[in-house]
Amino acid sequence: MTQPTLAAPVRHGSSSFRTLLLATIVSLGGVTLAHGQGYVGASISGDIARTGSASGGLNPGSGEALSFSLRAGAPMTSRVGVEFEFARPSIIERDQTPDVLPLDAALASDLAALGIPITRYTVHSEQRNTTMNVALTAAQAISPRLSVVYVGGVTFGRIERTIRYSFTPAPIFPLPDAKGVSYDTGPLVGVDVRLGLTDHVQVVPGIRLMGIANGWLVRPAVGLAWRF
């Protein structure tokens, strides 16, 4: 009974991620039709992720990555709207040499007696923080073509992680890579500046701060939006 219970959240989380994506798109479409105006856009950003330390001082999720995102939004009132964003970043890679050997003293001593002294090891980690954000927006008009938009909502994250150990000297039987996928939910805040180039095209620089598993993520971005 215990094994199926442990495996179920991963499959359910993946299904929920896709279901929420579809439901949000349908909801935005309904709001847009009701109010007759909305926008879609794409942006490029630089992710800055920082996570807490694990055993031995490891923090494999920390680093920087290039990210690409798609957005869709619709007004609810003249100033308040709803926005959906899906972002797919590149992989954050990190190499660390911890100070603490992940072997107990007795095992390390036995290996040394057999002529296999483990003097050093390196941890190579790869992590991708895919996010889906659902937020409310509040616009403040500065001029007919310039506005500041405040963003607040929830981020749904899918974290893919691979950890690889390299020992010196190399053991006869190396450890297999540790791979996993996790899902988490966190707060999201941000601010955008929307500058109209034409009646339909806008340049949208902005920044997002969101909570991820065991840390936070800053995502400054610049993109283009099409109003319709």
C-alpha atoms as a PDB file:
ATOM      1  CA  MET A   1       0.000   0.000   0.000  1.00  0.00           C
ATOM      2  CA  THR A   2       2.908   2.382   0.737  1.00  0.00           C
ATOM      3  CA  GLN A   3       4.597   2.174  -2.715  1.00  0.00           C
ATOM      4  CA  PRO A   4       1.628   3.256  -4.852  1.00  0.00           C
ATOM      5  CA  THR A   5       0.995   6.164  -2.477  1.00  0.00           C
ATOM      6  CA  LEU A   6       4.553   7.469  -2.970  1.00  0.00           C
ATOM      7  CA  ALA A   7       4.438   7.181  -6.751  1.00  0.00           C
ATOM      8  CA  ALA A   8       1.026   8.760  -7.227  1.00  0.00           C
ATOM      9  CA  PRO A   9       1.928  12.454  -6.563  1.00  0.00           C
ATOM     10  CA  VAL A  10       4.417  12.608  -9.466  1.00  0.00           C
ATOM     11  CA  ARG A  11       1.896  11.376 -12.031  1.00  0.00           C
ATOM     12  CA  HIS A  12      -0.875  13.475 -10.511  1.00  0.00           C
ATOM     13  CA  GLY A  13       1.357  16.556 -10.375  1.00  0.00           C
ATOM     14  CA  SER A  14       2.220  16.261 -14.068  1.00  0.00           C
ATOM     15  CA  SER A  15      -1.433  15.823 -14.988  1.00  0.00           C
ATOM     16  CA  SER A  16      -2.460  18.758 -12.778  1.00  0.00           C
ATOM     17  CA  PHE A  17       0.179  20.951 -14.426  1.00  0.00           C
ATOM     18  CA  ARG A  18      -1.281  20.306 -17.895  1.00  0.00           C
ATOM     19  CA  THR A  19      -4.873  20.594 -16.650  1.00  0.00           C
ATOM     20  CA  LEU A  20      -4.201  23.965 -14.992  1.00  0.00           C
ATOM     21  CA  LEU A  21      -2.520  25.204 -18.175  1.00  0.00           C
ATOM     22  CA  LEU A  22      -5.573  24.322 -20.266  1.00  0.00           C
ATOM     23  CA  ALA A  23      -8.061  25.694 -17.732  1.00  0.00           C
ATOM     24  CA  THR A  24      -6.214  29.002 -17.494  1.00  0.00           C
ATOM     25  CA  ILE A  25      -6.105  29.437 -21.266  1.00  0.00           C
ATOM     26  CA  VAL A  26      -9.848  28.747 -21.503  1.00  0.00           C
ATOM     27  CA  SER A  27     -10.585  31.174 -18.634  1.00  0.00           C
ATOM     28  CA  LEU A  28      -8.508  33.932 -20.199  1.00  0.00           C
ATOM     29  CA  GLY A  29     -10.282  33.392 -23.490  1.00  0.00           C
ATOM     30  CA  GLY A  30     -13.641  33.807 -21.753  1.00  0.00           C
ATOM     31  CA  VAL A  31     -12.608  37.017 -19.996  1.00  0.00           C
ATOM     32  CA  THR A  32     -11.202  38.441 -23.236  1.00  0.00           C
ATOM     33  CA  LEU A  33     -14.407  37.745 -25.131  1.00  0.00           C
ATOM     34  CA  ALA A  34     -16.455  39.336 -22.347  1.00  0.00           C
ATOM     35  CA  HIS A  35     -14.456  42.580 -22.323  1.00  0.00           C
ATOM     36  CA  GLY A  36     -13.367  42.690 -25.956  1.00  0.00           C
ATOM     37  CA  GLN A  37      -9.631  43.309 -25.336  1.00  0.00           C
ATOM     38  CA  GLY A  38      -6.584  41.329 -24.320  1.00  0.00           C
ATOM     39  CA  TYR A  39      -2.948  40.702 -25.203  1.00  0.00           C
ATOM     40  CA  VAL A  40      -0.444  37.985 -25.964  1.00  0.00           C
ATOM     41  CA  GLY A  41       3.315  38.282 -25.774  1.00  0.00           C
ATOM     42  CA  ALA A  42       6.703  36.628 -25.670  1.00  0.00           C
ATOM     43  CA  SER A  43       9.803  37.571 -23.710  1.00  0.00           C
ATOM     44  CA  ILE A  44      13.405  36.607 -23.046  1.00  0.00           C
ATOM     45  CA  SER A  45      14.680  36.740 -19.497  1.00  0.00           C
ATOM     46  CA  GLY A  46      17.651  35.883 -17.325  1.00  0.00           C
ATOM     47  CA  ASP A  47      16.803  33.660 -14.346  1.00  0.00           C
ATOM     48  CA  ILE A  48      18.709  34.192 -11.101  1.00  0.00           C
ATOM     49  CA  ALA A  49      17.966  31.307  -8.725  1.00  0.00           C
ATOM     50  CA  ARG A  50      19.162  30.893  -5.150  1.00  0.00           C
ATOM     51  CA  THR A  51      18.422  27.857  -2.962  1.00  0.00           C
ATOM     52  CA  GLY A  52      19.261  26.759   0.562  1.00  0.00           C
ATOM     53  CA  SER A  53      22.184  24.479   1.349  1.00  0.00           C
ATOM     54  CA  ALA A  54      21.817  20.724   1.653  1.00  0.00           C
ATOM     55  CA  SER A  55      24.075  18.343   3.583  1.00  0.00           C
ATOM     56  CA  GLY A  56      27.760  19.052   3.135  1.00  0.00           C
ATOM     57  CA  GLY A  57      27.082  22.628   2.079  1.00  0.00           C
ATOM     58  CA  LEU A  58      25.541  21.735  -1.297  1.00  0.00           C
ATOM     59  CA  ASN A  59      23.030  24.075  -2.960  1.00  0.00           C
ATOM     60  CA  PRO A  60      22.596  22.579  -6.440  1.00  0.00           C
ATOM     61  CA  GLY A  61      19.708  24.833  -7.468  1.00  0.00           C
ATOM     62  CA  SER A  62      21.644  28.097  -7.286  1.00  0.00           C
ATOM     63  CA  GLY A  63      22.773  29.697 -10.535  1.00  0.00           C
ATOM     64  CA  GLU A  64      21.741  31.644 -13.611  1.00  0.00           C
ATOM     65  CA  ALA A  65      19.905  30.580 -16.770  1.00  0.00           C
ATOM     66  CA  LEU A  66      18.411  32.021 -19.953  1.00  0.00           C
ATOM     67  CA  SER A  67      14.618  31.743 -20.076  1.00  0.00           C
ATOM     68  CA  PHE A  68      11.891  32.105 -22.713  1.00  0.00           C
ATOM     69  CA  SER A  69       8.287  32.801 -21.760  1.00  0.00           C
ATOM     70  CA  LEU A  70       4.842  33.218 -23.307  1.00  0.00           C
ATOM     71  CA  ARG A  71       2.137  35.435 -21.795  1.00  0.00           C
ATOM     72  CA  ALA A  72      -1.560  35.994 -22.277  1.00  0.00           C
ATOM     73  CA  GLY A  73      -3.734  38.466 -20.444  1.00  0.00           C
ATOM     74  CA  ALA A  74      -7.196  39.967 -20.372  1.00  0.00           C
ATOM     75  CA  PRO A  75      -8.859  42.889 -18.551  1.00  0.00           C
ATOM     76  CA  MET A  76     -11.423  42.410 -15.809  1.00  0.00           C
ATOM     77  CA  THR A  77     -12.027  46.138 -15.299  1.00  0.00           C
ATOM     78  CA  SER A  78     -10.510  49.280 -16.800  1.00  0.00           C
ATOM     79  CA  ARG A  79      -7.402  48.877 -14.593  1.00  0.00           C
ATOM     80  CA  VAL A  80      -7.395  45.322 -13.205  1.00  0.00           C
ATOM     81  CA  GLY A  81      -6.721  42.229 -15.271  1.00  0.00           C
ATOM     82  CA  VAL A  82      -5.601  38.631 -15.138  1.00  0.00           C
ATOM     83  CA  GLU A  83      -2.424  37.223 -16.697  1.00  0.00           C
ATOM     84  CA  PHE A  84      -1.026  33.794 -17.433  1.00  0.00           C
ATOM     85  CA  GLU A  85       2.661  33.128 -18.118  1.00  0.00           C
ATOM     86  CA  PHE A  86       4.528  29.952 -19.032  1.00  0.00           C
ATOM     87  CA  ALA A  87       8.342  30.068 -18.796  1.00  0.00           C
ATOM     88  CA  ARG A  88      10.844  27.436 -19.907  1.00  0.00           C
ATOM     89  CA  PRO A  89      14.434  28.198 -18.848  1.00  0.00           C
ATOM     90  CA  SER A  90      17.697  26.570 -19.786  1.00  0.00           C
ATOM     91  CA  ILE A  91      19.408  24.174 -17.363  1.00  0.00           C
ATOM     92  CA  ILE A  92      21.379  25.548 -14.419  1.00  0.00           C
ATOM     93  CA  GLU A  93      24.619  23.563 -14.136  1.00  0.00           C
ATOM     94  CA  ARG A  94      26.823  23.689 -11.084  1.00  0.00           C
ATOM     95  CA  ASP A  95      30.007  21.896  -9.925  1.00  0.00           C
ATOM     96  CA  GLN A  96      30.827  21.804  -6.233  1.00  0.00           C
ATOM     97  CA  THR A  97      33.513  20.191  -4.098  1.00  0.00           C
ATOM     98  CA  PRO A  98      32.033  19.864  -0.592  1.00  0.00           C
ATOM     99  CA  ASP A  99      34.163  19.876   2.517  1.00  0.00           C
ATOM    100  CA  VAL A 100      32.327  16.923   4.070  1.00  0.00           C
ATOM    101  CA  LEU A 101      32.960  13.445   2.644  1.00  0.00           C
ATOM    102  CA  PRO A 102      29.656  11.547   2.243  1.00  0.00           C
ATOM    103  CA  LEU A 103      31.096   8.416   3.862  1.00  0.00           C
ATOM    104  CA  ASP A 104      31.178   7.493   7.501  1.00  0.00           C
ATOM    105  CA  ALA A 105      34.595   7.256   9.132  1.00  0.00           C
ATOM    106  CA  ALA A 106      34.591   3.455   9.420  1.00  0.00           C
ATOM    107  CA  LEU A 107      33.835   2.929   5.719  1.00  0.00           C
ATOM    108  CA  ALA A 108      36.423   5.490   4.675  1.00  0.00           C
ATOM    109  CA  SER A 109      38.993   3.717   6.851  1.00  0.00           C
ATOM    110  CA  ASP A 110      38.152   0.312   5.341  1.00  0.00           C
ATOM    111  CA  LEU A 111      38.506   1.686   1.824  1.00  0.00           C
ATOM    112  CA  ALA A 112      41.857   3.229   2.689  1.00  0.00           C
ATOM    113  CA  ALA A 113      43.057  -0.129   4.101  1.00  0.00           C
ATOM    114  CA  LEU A 114      42.192  -1.725   0.755  1.00  0.00           C
ATOM    115  CA  GLY A 115      44.247   0.860  -1.067  1.00  0.00           C
ATOM    116  CA  ILE A 116      41.250   2.906  -2.186  1.00  0.00           C
ATOM    117  CA  PRO A 117      41.605   6.218  -0.375  1.00  0.00           C
ATOM    118  CA  ILE A 118      38.791   8.595  -1.238  1.00  0.00           C
ATOM    119  CA  THR A 119      40.510  11.944  -0.890  1.00  0.00           C
ATOM    120  CA  ARG A 120      38.149  14.145  -2.848  1.00  0.00           C
ATOM    121  CA  TYR A 121      34.795  14.183  -4.629  1.00  0.00           C
ATOM    122  CA  THR A 122      32.892  16.557  -6.883  1.00  0.00           C
ATOM    123  CA  VAL A 123      29.153  16.999  -7.306  1.00  0.00           C
ATOM    124  CA  HIS A 124      27.810  18.037 -10.703  1.00  0.00           C
ATOM    125  CA  SER A 125      24.182  19.182 -10.629  1.00  0.00           C
ATOM    126  CA  GLU A 126      21.727  20.113 -13.373  1.00  0.00           C
ATOM    127  CA  GLN A 127      18.415  21.812 -12.582  1.00  0.00           C
ATOM    128  CA  ARG A 128      15.629  23.301 -14.713  1.00  0.00           C
ATOM    129  CA  ASN A 129      12.934  25.491 -13.089  1.00  0.00           C
ATOM    130  CA  THR A 130       9.921  25.470 -15.403  1.00  0.00           C
ATOM    131  CA  THR A 131       7.180  27.771 -14.089  1.00  0.00           C
ATOM    132  CA  MET A 132       3.574  28.568 -14.833  1.00  0.00           C
ATOM    133  CA  ASN A 133       2.282  31.801 -13.300  1.00  0.00           C
ATOM    134  CA  VAL A 134      -1.286  32.950 -12.728  1.00  0.00           C
ATOM    135  CA  ALA A 135      -1.580  36.545 -11.520  1.00  0.00           C
ATOM    136  CA  LEU A 136      -3.736  39.617 -11.148  1.00  0.00           C
ATOM    137  CA  THR A 137      -2.460  42.841 -12.715  1.00  0.00           C
ATOM    138  CA  ALA A 138      -3.112  46.482 -11.797  1.00  0.00           C
ATOM    139  CA  ALA A 139      -2.230  49.124 -14.396  1.00  0.00           C
ATOM    140  CA  GLN A 140      -1.241  52.723 -13.688  1.00  0.00           C
ATOM    141  CA  ALA A 141      -1.342  54.937 -16.774  1.00  0.00           C
ATOM    142  CA  ILE A 142       1.506  57.432 -17.122  1.00  0.00           C
ATOM    143  CA  SER A 143       0.630  58.620 -20.630  1.00  0.00           C
ATOM    144  CA  PRO A 144      -1.534  57.323 -23.490  1.00  0.00           C
ATOM    145  CA  ARG A 145       1.310  54.989 -24.578  1.00  0.00           C
ATOM    146  CA  LEU A 146       3.090  54.357 -21.278  1.00  0.00           C
ATOM    147  CA  SER A 147       1.867  52.490 -18.209  1.00  0.00           C
ATOM    148  CA  VAL A 148       3.263  50.701 -15.158  1.00  0.00           C
ATOM    149  CA  VAL A 149       1.689  47.352 -14.299  1.00  0.00           C
ATOM    150  CA  TYR A 150       1.928  45.717 -10.863  1.00  0.00           C
ATOM    151  CA  VAL A 151       1.688  41.927 -10.767  1.00  0.00           C
ATOM    152  CA  GLY A 152       0.813  39.580  -7.905  1.00  0.00           C
ATOM    153  CA  GLY A 153      -0.210  35.937  -7.901  1.00  0.00           C
ATOM    154  CA  VAL A 154       0.923  32.336  -7.670  1.00  0.00           C
ATOM    155  CA  THR A 155       3.693  30.424  -9.418  1.00  0.00           C
ATOM    156  CA  PHE A 156       3.460  26.691 -10.068  1.00  0.00           C
ATOM    157  CA  GLY A 157       6.883  25.135 -10.527  1.00  0.00           C
ATOM    158  CA  ARG A 158       8.157  21.922 -12.087  1.00  0.00           C
ATOM    159  CA  ILE A 159      11.747  21.266 -11.007  1.00  0.00           C
ATOM    160  CA  GLU A 160      13.867  18.700 -12.862  1.00  0.00           C
ATOM    161  CA  ARG A 161      17.148  17.824 -11.158  1.00  0.00           C
ATOM    162  CA  THR A 162      20.076  15.510 -11.877  1.00  0.00           C
ATOM    163  CA  ILE A 163      23.002  15.009  -9.497  1.00  0.00           C
ATOM    164  CA  ARG A 164      26.215  13.211 -10.489  1.00  0.00           C
ATOM    165  CA  TYR A 165      29.076  12.278  -8.108  1.00  0.00           C
ATOM    166  CA  SER A 166      32.709  12.036  -9.243  1.00  0.00           C
ATOM    167  CA  PHE A 167      35.240  10.529  -6.817  1.00  0.00           C
ATOM    168  CA  THR A 168      39.019  10.816  -6.738  1.00  0.00           C
ATOM    169  CA  PRO A 169      40.386   8.252  -7.266  1.00  0.00           C
ATOM    170  CA  ALA A 170      37.545   6.843  -9.377  1.00  0.00           C
ATOM    171  CA  PRO A 171      35.838   3.774  -7.817  1.00  0.00           C
ATOM    172  CA  ILE A 172      35.455   0.519  -9.725  1.00  0.00           C
ATOM    173  CA  PHE A 173      31.669   0.776  -9.542  1.00  0.00           C
ATOM    174  CA  PRO A 174      30.612   4.436  -9.930  1.00  0.00           C
ATOM    175  CA  LEU A 175      27.447   5.705  -8.329  1.00  0.00           C
ATOM    176  CA  PRO A 176      24.452   6.112 -10.682  1.00  0.00           C
ATOM    177  CA  ASP A 177      23.076   9.583 -11.365  1.00  0.00           C
ATOM    178  CA  ALA A 178      20.355  10.742  -8.992  1.00  0.00           C
ATOM    179  CA  LYS A 179      17.395  12.102 -10.998  1.00  0.00           C
ATOM    180  CA  GLY A 180      14.077  13.479  -9.835  1.00  0.00           C
ATOM    181  CA  VAL A 181      11.139  15.731 -10.667  1.00  0.00           C
ATOM    182  CA  SER A 182       9.259  17.742  -8.049  1.00  0.00           C
ATOM    183  CA  TYR A 183       6.340  20.176  -8.057  1.00  0.00           C
ATOM    184  CA  ASP A 184       5.830  23.173  -5.807  1.00  0.00           C
ATOM    185  CA  THR A 185       3.727  26.311  -5.428  1.00  0.00           C
ATOM    186  CA  GLY A 186       4.926  29.728  -4.291  1.00  0.00           C
ATOM    187  CA  PRO A 187       4.081  33.448  -4.234  1.00  0.00           C
ATOM    188  CA  LEU A 188       4.750  35.765  -7.172  1.00  0.00           C
ATOM    189  CA  VAL A 189       5.202  39.542  -7.323  1.00  0.00           C
ATOM    190  CA  GLY A 190       6.470  41.753 -10.097  1.00  0.00           C
ATOM    191  CA  VAL A 191       6.241  44.961 -12.071  1.00  0.00           C
ATOM    192  CA  ASP A 192       6.164  45.665 -15.819  1.00  0.00           C
ATOM    193  CA  VAL A 193       6.474  48.787 -17.944  1.00  0.00           C
ATOM    194  CA  ARG A 194       4.351  48.759 -21.091  1.00  0.00           C
ATOM    195  CA  LEU A 195       5.478  51.127 -23.830  1.00  0.00           C
ATOM    196  CA  GLY A 196       3.268  51.318 -26.911  1.00  0.00           C
ATOM    197  CA  LEU A 197       5.060  51.436 -30.253  1.00  0.00           C
ATOM    198  CA  THR A 198       1.831  51.300 -32.268  1.00  0.00           C
ATOM    199  CA  ASP A 199      -1.846  50.857 -31.453  1.00  0.00           C
ATOM    200  CA  HIS A 200      -1.240  47.109 -31.084  1.00  0.00           C
ATOM    201  CA  VAL A 201       2.489  46.522 -30.413  1.00  0.00           C
ATOM    202  CA  GLN A 202       4.075  47.130 -26.991  1.00  0.00           C
ATOM    203  CA  VAL A 203       7.593  46.741 -25.622  1.00  0.00           C
ATOM    204  CA  VAL A 204       7.356  45.206 -22.145  1.00  0.00           C
ATOM    205  CA  PRO A 205      10.416  45.210 -19.842  1.00  0.00           C
ATOM    206  CA  GLY A 206       9.797  43.933 -16.323  1.00  0.00           C
ATOM    207  CA  ILE A 207      10.867  41.781 -13.428  1.00  0.00           C
ATOM    208  CA  ARG A 208       9.352  38.912 -11.420  1.00  0.00           C
ATOM    209  CA  LEU A 209      10.236  37.578  -7.968  1.00  0.00           C
ATOM    210  CA  MET A 210       8.839  34.159  -7.152  1.00  0.00           C
ATOM    211  CA  GLY A 211       9.217  31.468  -4.532  1.00  0.00           C
ATOM    212  CA  ILE A 212      10.523  28.058  -5.630  1.00  0.00           C
ATOM    213  CA  ALA A 213      11.301  24.899  -3.665  1.00  0.00           C
ATOM    214  CA  ASN A 214      13.817  25.728  -0.925  1.00  0.00           C
ATOM    215  CA  GLY A 215      14.598  29.136  -2.380  1.00  0.00           C
ATOM    216  CA  TRP A 216      13.582  32.005  -4.654  1.00  0.00           C
ATOM    217  CA  LEU A 217      13.922  33.048  -8.280  1.00  0.00           C
ATOM    218  CA  VAL A 218      14.378  36.516  -9.794  1.00  0.00           C
ATOM    219  CA  ARG A 219      13.441  36.835 -13.472  1.00  0.00           C
ATOM    220  CA  PRO A 220      14.178  40.174 -15.219  1.00  0.00           C
ATOM    221  CA  ALA A 221      12.755  40.113 -18.747  1.00  0.00           C
ATOM    222  CA  VAL A 222      12.105  42.123 -21.880  1.00  0.00           C
ATOM    223  CA  GLY A 223       9.565  41.220 -24.539  1.00  0.00           C
ATOM    224  CA  LEU A 224       6.946  42.240 -27.062  1.00  0.00           C
ATOM    225  CA  ALA A 225       3.171  42.137 -26.621  1.00  0.00           C
ATOM    226  CA  TRP A 226       0.331  42.345 -29.140  1.00  0.00           C
ATOM    227  CA  ARG A 227      -2.915  43.969 -28.014  1.00  0.00           C
ATOM    228  CA  PHE A 228      -6.143  43.023 -29.695  1.00  0.00           C
END
